Amino acid sequence: MKIMLSWKFPTGTAYTSGMKQFLETGGPPPEGLRTIGRWHAPGSRYGFHLVEGDPALAAELVAQWNPFCDVEATPVLDDEEASSALRKAGRG
């Protein structure tokens, strides 16, 4: 399963602590969860991390970063997967 993680850092201590954590560790996902891509929005407190794997591992990653920032996890499909799902649902 692919999951898009979207984060927003608050200002203040949590932001500073979160940036320090990222610079020290690189923010790796738990073993078994694969990073497809990660993007940062320069000049903002926002970013995105596309992962693939067990949703429980994605929840673990979210829990690791929740002390520093708000993270939303959204299951996502690529075009091929979405087309297949629509056909199976009788919509295509």
N, C-alpha and C. Protein backbone atom coordinates (compact mmCIF):
# COMPACT_ATOMS: atom_id res chain seq x y z
N MET A 1 0.84 -1.17 0.00
CA MET A 1 0.00 0.00 0.00
C MET A 1 0.89 1.24 0.00
N LYS A 2 0.52 2.21 -0.82
CA LYS A 2 1.23 3.49 -0.85
C LYS A 2 0.49 4.48 0.05
N ILE A 3 1.26 5.23 0.83
CA ILE A 3 0.68 6.19 1.76
C ILE A 3 1.46 7.50 1.63
N MET A 4 0.72 8.59 1.42
CA MET A 4 1.34 9.92 1.37
C MET A 4 1.25 10.54 2.75
N LEU A 5 2.40 10.82 3.32
CA LEU A 5 2.47 11.50 4.60
C LEU A 5 2.72 12.98 4.34
N SER A 6 1.89 13.83 4.88
CA SER A 6 2.02 15.28 4.73
C SER A 6 2.26 15.85 6.11
N TRP A 7 3.32 16.63 6.26
CA TRP A 7 3.61 17.17 7.58
C TRP A 7 3.60 18.68 7.58
N LYS A 8 3.38 19.21 8.78
CA LYS A 8 3.45 20.65 9.02
C LYS A 8 4.09 20.84 10.40
N PHE A 9 5.21 21.52 10.40
CA PHE A 9 5.88 21.83 11.65
C PHE A 9 5.31 23.12 12.23
N PRO A 10 5.11 23.16 13.55
CA PRO A 10 4.73 24.42 14.18
C PRO A 10 5.99 25.29 14.30
N THR A 11 5.82 26.51 14.71
CA THR A 11 6.99 27.35 14.99
C THR A 11 7.46 27.06 16.40
N GLY A 12 8.64 27.49 16.71
CA GLY A 12 9.14 27.38 18.08
C GLY A 12 9.98 26.14 18.32
N THR A 13 9.93 25.67 19.56
CA THR A 13 10.79 24.59 20.02
C THR A 13 10.57 23.29 19.25
N ALA A 14 9.33 22.95 18.95
CA ALA A 14 9.06 21.70 18.23
C ALA A 14 9.71 21.72 16.85
N TYR A 15 9.67 22.86 16.17
CA TYR A 15 10.31 22.99 14.86
C TYR A 15 11.82 22.79 14.98
N THR A 16 12.43 23.49 15.93
CA THR A 16 13.88 23.40 16.13
C THR A 16 14.29 21.97 16.47
N SER A 17 13.55 21.32 17.36
CA SER A 17 13.85 19.94 17.75
C SER A 17 13.66 18.99 16.58
N GLY A 18 12.61 19.20 15.80
CA GLY A 18 12.35 18.35 14.64
C GLY A 18 13.43 18.46 13.59
N MET A 19 13.89 19.68 13.32
CA MET A 19 14.95 19.88 12.33
C MET A 19 16.25 19.23 12.80
N LYS A 20 16.53 19.35 14.10
CA LYS A 20 17.72 18.71 14.66
C LYS A 20 17.64 17.20 14.49
N GLN A 21 16.47 16.63 14.79
CA GLN A 21 16.25 15.18 14.65
C GLN A 21 16.47 14.75 13.21
N PHE A 22 15.93 15.51 12.26
CA PHE A 22 16.07 15.16 10.85
C PHE A 22 17.53 15.24 10.41
N LEU A 23 18.23 16.30 10.80
CA LEU A 23 19.63 16.45 10.40
C LEU A 23 20.52 15.37 11.01
N GLU A 24 20.20 14.93 12.21
CA GLU A 24 21.01 13.90 12.87
C GLU A 24 20.73 12.50 12.33
N THR A 25 19.48 12.22 11.97
CA THR A 25 19.11 10.84 11.61
C THR A 25 18.78 10.66 10.13
N GLY A 26 18.41 11.72 9.45
CA GLY A 26 17.94 11.60 8.07
C GLY A 26 16.49 11.18 7.98
N GLY A 27 15.86 10.93 9.11
CA GLY A 27 14.44 10.57 9.12
C GLY A 27 14.11 9.28 8.40
N PRO A 28 14.87 8.19 8.64
CA PRO A 28 14.57 6.96 7.91
C PRO A 28 13.26 6.33 8.36
N PRO A 29 12.57 5.64 7.44
CA PRO A 29 11.36 4.93 7.83
C PRO A 29 11.73 3.65 8.58
N PRO A 30 10.79 3.05 9.29
CA PRO A 30 11.05 1.77 9.94
C PRO A 30 11.41 0.71 8.89
N GLU A 31 12.17 -0.28 9.31
CA GLU A 31 12.52 -1.38 8.41
C GLU A 31 11.25 -2.03 7.89
N GLY A 32 11.20 -2.24 6.57
CA GLY A 32 10.03 -2.84 5.94
C GLY A 32 9.12 -1.81 5.29
N LEU A 33 9.36 -0.53 5.54
CA LEU A 33 8.60 0.54 4.91
C LEU A 33 9.55 1.24 3.95
N ARG A 34 9.16 1.30 2.67
CA ARG A 34 10.04 1.83 1.63
C ARG A 34 9.68 3.27 1.30
N THR A 35 10.68 4.13 1.24
CA THR A 35 10.48 5.50 0.79
C THR A 35 10.48 5.52 -0.72
N ILE A 36 9.40 6.04 -1.32
CA ILE A 36 9.34 6.24 -2.77
C ILE A 36 9.90 7.62 -3.09
N GLY A 37 9.58 8.60 -2.26
CA GLY A 37 10.11 9.95 -2.43
C GLY A 37 9.75 10.80 -1.24
N ARG A 38 10.56 11.83 -1.05
CA ARG A 38 10.29 12.77 0.05
C ARG A 38 10.61 14.16 -0.48
N TRP A 39 9.70 15.10 -0.20
CA TRP A 39 9.84 16.45 -0.72
C TRP A 39 9.63 17.46 0.40
N HIS A 40 10.44 18.49 0.38
CA HIS A 40 10.36 19.57 1.36
C HIS A 40 9.97 20.84 0.61
N ALA A 41 9.13 21.66 1.21
CA ALA A 41 8.74 22.93 0.62
C ALA A 41 9.61 24.02 1.24
N PRO A 42 10.69 24.42 0.54
CA PRO A 42 11.61 25.40 1.11
C PRO A 42 10.90 26.69 1.51
N GLY A 43 11.32 27.23 2.63
CA GLY A 43 10.74 28.47 3.11
C GLY A 43 9.41 28.29 3.81
N SER A 44 8.99 27.03 3.97
CA SER A 44 7.74 26.76 4.68
C SER A 44 8.00 25.70 5.73
N ARG A 45 6.95 25.30 6.40
CA ARG A 45 7.05 24.26 7.43
C ARG A 45 6.41 22.97 6.94
N TYR A 46 6.22 22.85 5.61
CA TYR A 46 5.49 21.73 5.03
C TYR A 46 6.41 20.77 4.28
N GLY A 47 5.96 19.52 4.21
CA GLY A 47 6.68 18.53 3.42
C GLY A 47 5.81 17.31 3.18
N PHE A 48 6.33 16.42 2.33
CA PHE A 48 5.59 15.24 1.90
C PHE A 48 6.53 14.06 1.82
N HIS A 49 6.04 12.90 2.21
CA HIS A 49 6.85 11.67 2.21
C HIS A 49 5.96 10.55 1.68
N LEU A 50 6.28 10.03 0.51
CA LEU A 50 5.51 8.93 -0.07
C LEU A 50 6.21 7.63 0.29
N VAL A 51 5.48 6.76 1.00
CA VAL A 51 6.02 5.49 1.44
C VAL A 51 5.17 4.35 0.91
N GLU A 52 5.75 3.15 0.93
CA GLU A 52 5.01 1.96 0.51
C GLU A 52 5.29 0.84 1.49
N GLY A 53 4.23 0.17 1.92
CA GLY A 53 4.39 -0.94 2.84
C GLY A 53 3.19 -1.10 3.74
N ASP A 54 3.41 -1.79 4.83
CA ASP A 54 2.37 -2.09 5.81
C ASP A 54 1.89 -0.79 6.48
N PRO A 55 0.59 -0.55 6.50
CA PRO A 55 0.07 0.66 7.15
C PRO A 55 0.48 0.78 8.63
N ALA A 56 0.68 -0.35 9.29
CA ALA A 56 1.11 -0.30 10.69
C ALA A 56 2.51 0.30 10.81
N LEU A 57 3.37 0.04 9.82
CA LEU A 57 4.70 0.64 9.82
C LEU A 57 4.63 2.14 9.52
N ALA A 58 3.70 2.53 8.66
CA ALA A 58 3.50 3.96 8.40
C ALA A 58 3.02 4.65 9.68
N ALA A 59 2.14 3.99 10.42
CA ALA A 59 1.66 4.55 11.69
C ALA A 59 2.82 4.70 12.68
N GLU A 60 3.73 3.75 12.66
CA GLU A 60 4.91 3.83 13.52
C GLU A 60 5.76 5.05 13.16
N LEU A 61 5.95 5.28 11.86
CA LEU A 61 6.71 6.44 11.41
C LEU A 61 6.02 7.74 11.82
N VAL A 62 4.71 7.79 11.66
CA VAL A 62 3.95 8.98 12.08
C VAL A 62 4.14 9.21 13.58
N ALA A 63 4.06 8.15 14.36
CA ALA A 63 4.22 8.28 15.82
C ALA A 63 5.61 8.80 16.20
N GLN A 64 6.62 8.44 15.40
CA GLN A 64 7.98 8.92 15.68
C GLN A 64 8.09 10.43 15.50
N TRP A 65 7.32 10.97 14.56
CA TRP A 65 7.44 12.39 14.24
C TRP A 65 6.37 13.26 14.89
N ASN A 66 5.32 12.67 15.44
CA ASN A 66 4.25 13.46 16.06
C ASN A 66 4.70 14.36 17.21
N PRO A 67 5.76 14.02 17.95
CA PRO A 67 6.20 14.98 18.97
C PRO A 67 6.70 16.31 18.38
N PHE A 68 7.06 16.29 17.09
CA PHE A 68 7.64 17.47 16.45
C PHE A 68 6.67 18.19 15.52
N CYS A 69 5.80 17.44 14.86
CA CYS A 69 4.95 18.04 13.83
C CYS A 69 3.64 17.28 13.69
N ASP A 70 2.69 17.93 13.04
CA ASP A 70 1.42 17.28 12.70
C ASP A 70 1.62 16.52 11.40
N VAL A 71 1.19 15.27 11.36
CA VAL A 71 1.35 14.44 10.16
C VAL A 71 -0.01 13.86 9.79
N GLU A 72 -0.37 14.00 8.52
CA GLU A 72 -1.56 13.36 7.98
C GLU A 72 -1.12 12.22 7.07
N ALA A 73 -1.78 11.08 7.19
CA ALA A 73 -1.47 9.91 6.36
C ALA A 73 -2.66 9.64 5.45
N THR A 74 -2.41 9.61 4.14
CA THR A 74 -3.46 9.41 3.16
C THR A 74 -3.09 8.25 2.24
N PRO A 75 -3.88 7.16 2.22
CA PRO A 75 -3.62 6.10 1.25
C PRO A 75 -3.78 6.67 -0.16
N VAL A 76 -2.86 6.33 -1.06
CA VAL A 76 -2.92 6.84 -2.43
C VAL A 76 -2.72 5.71 -3.44
N LEU A 77 -3.27 5.91 -4.64
CA LEU A 77 -3.14 4.97 -5.75
C LEU A 77 -2.54 5.69 -6.94
N ASP A 78 -1.73 4.98 -7.74
CA ASP A 78 -1.28 5.57 -9.00
C ASP A 78 -2.40 5.40 -10.03
N ASP A 79 -2.21 5.95 -11.24
CA ASP A 79 -3.27 5.91 -12.25
C ASP A 79 -3.72 4.49 -12.57
N GLU A 80 -2.77 3.58 -12.71
CA GLU A 80 -3.10 2.19 -13.05
C GLU A 80 -3.94 1.54 -11.95
N GLU A 81 -3.53 1.73 -10.70
CA GLU A 81 -4.27 1.16 -9.58
C GLU A 81 -5.66 1.77 -9.46
N ALA A 82 -5.76 3.08 -9.66
CA ALA A 82 -7.07 3.75 -9.58
C ALA A 82 -7.99 3.27 -10.70
N SER A 83 -7.45 3.11 -11.92
CA SER A 83 -8.25 2.63 -13.05
C SER A 83 -8.78 1.23 -12.78
N SER A 84 -7.92 0.38 -12.25
CA SER A 84 -8.32 -0.99 -11.93
C SER A 84 -9.43 -1.00 -10.88
N ALA A 85 -9.28 -0.18 -9.84
CA ALA A 85 -10.30 -0.11 -8.78
C ALA A 85 -11.63 0.39 -9.34
N LEU A 86 -11.58 1.39 -10.21
CA LEU A 86 -12.81 1.91 -10.80
C LEU A 86 -13.50 0.87 -11.67
N ARG A 87 -12.72 0.12 -12.43
CA ARG A 87 -13.32 -0.94 -13.27
C ARG A 87 -13.99 -2.00 -12.40
N LYS A 88 -13.31 -2.41 -11.34
CA LYS A 88 -13.86 -3.43 -10.45
C LYS A 88 -15.12 -2.94 -9.75
N ALA A 89 -15.22 -1.64 -9.53
CA ALA A 89 -16.40 -1.07 -8.88
C ALA A 89 -17.51 -0.78 -9.88
N GLY A 90 -17.27 -1.13 -11.16
CA GLY A 90 -18.28 -0.91 -12.19
C GLY A 90 -18.39 0.53 -12.63
N ARG A 91 -17.34 1.30 -12.46
CA ARG A 91 -17.37 2.72 -12.83
C ARG A 91 -16.57 3.00 -14.10
N GLY A 92 -16.06 1.96 -14.74
CA GLY A 92 -15.25 2.24 -15.93
C GLY A 92 -15.42 1.22 -17.01
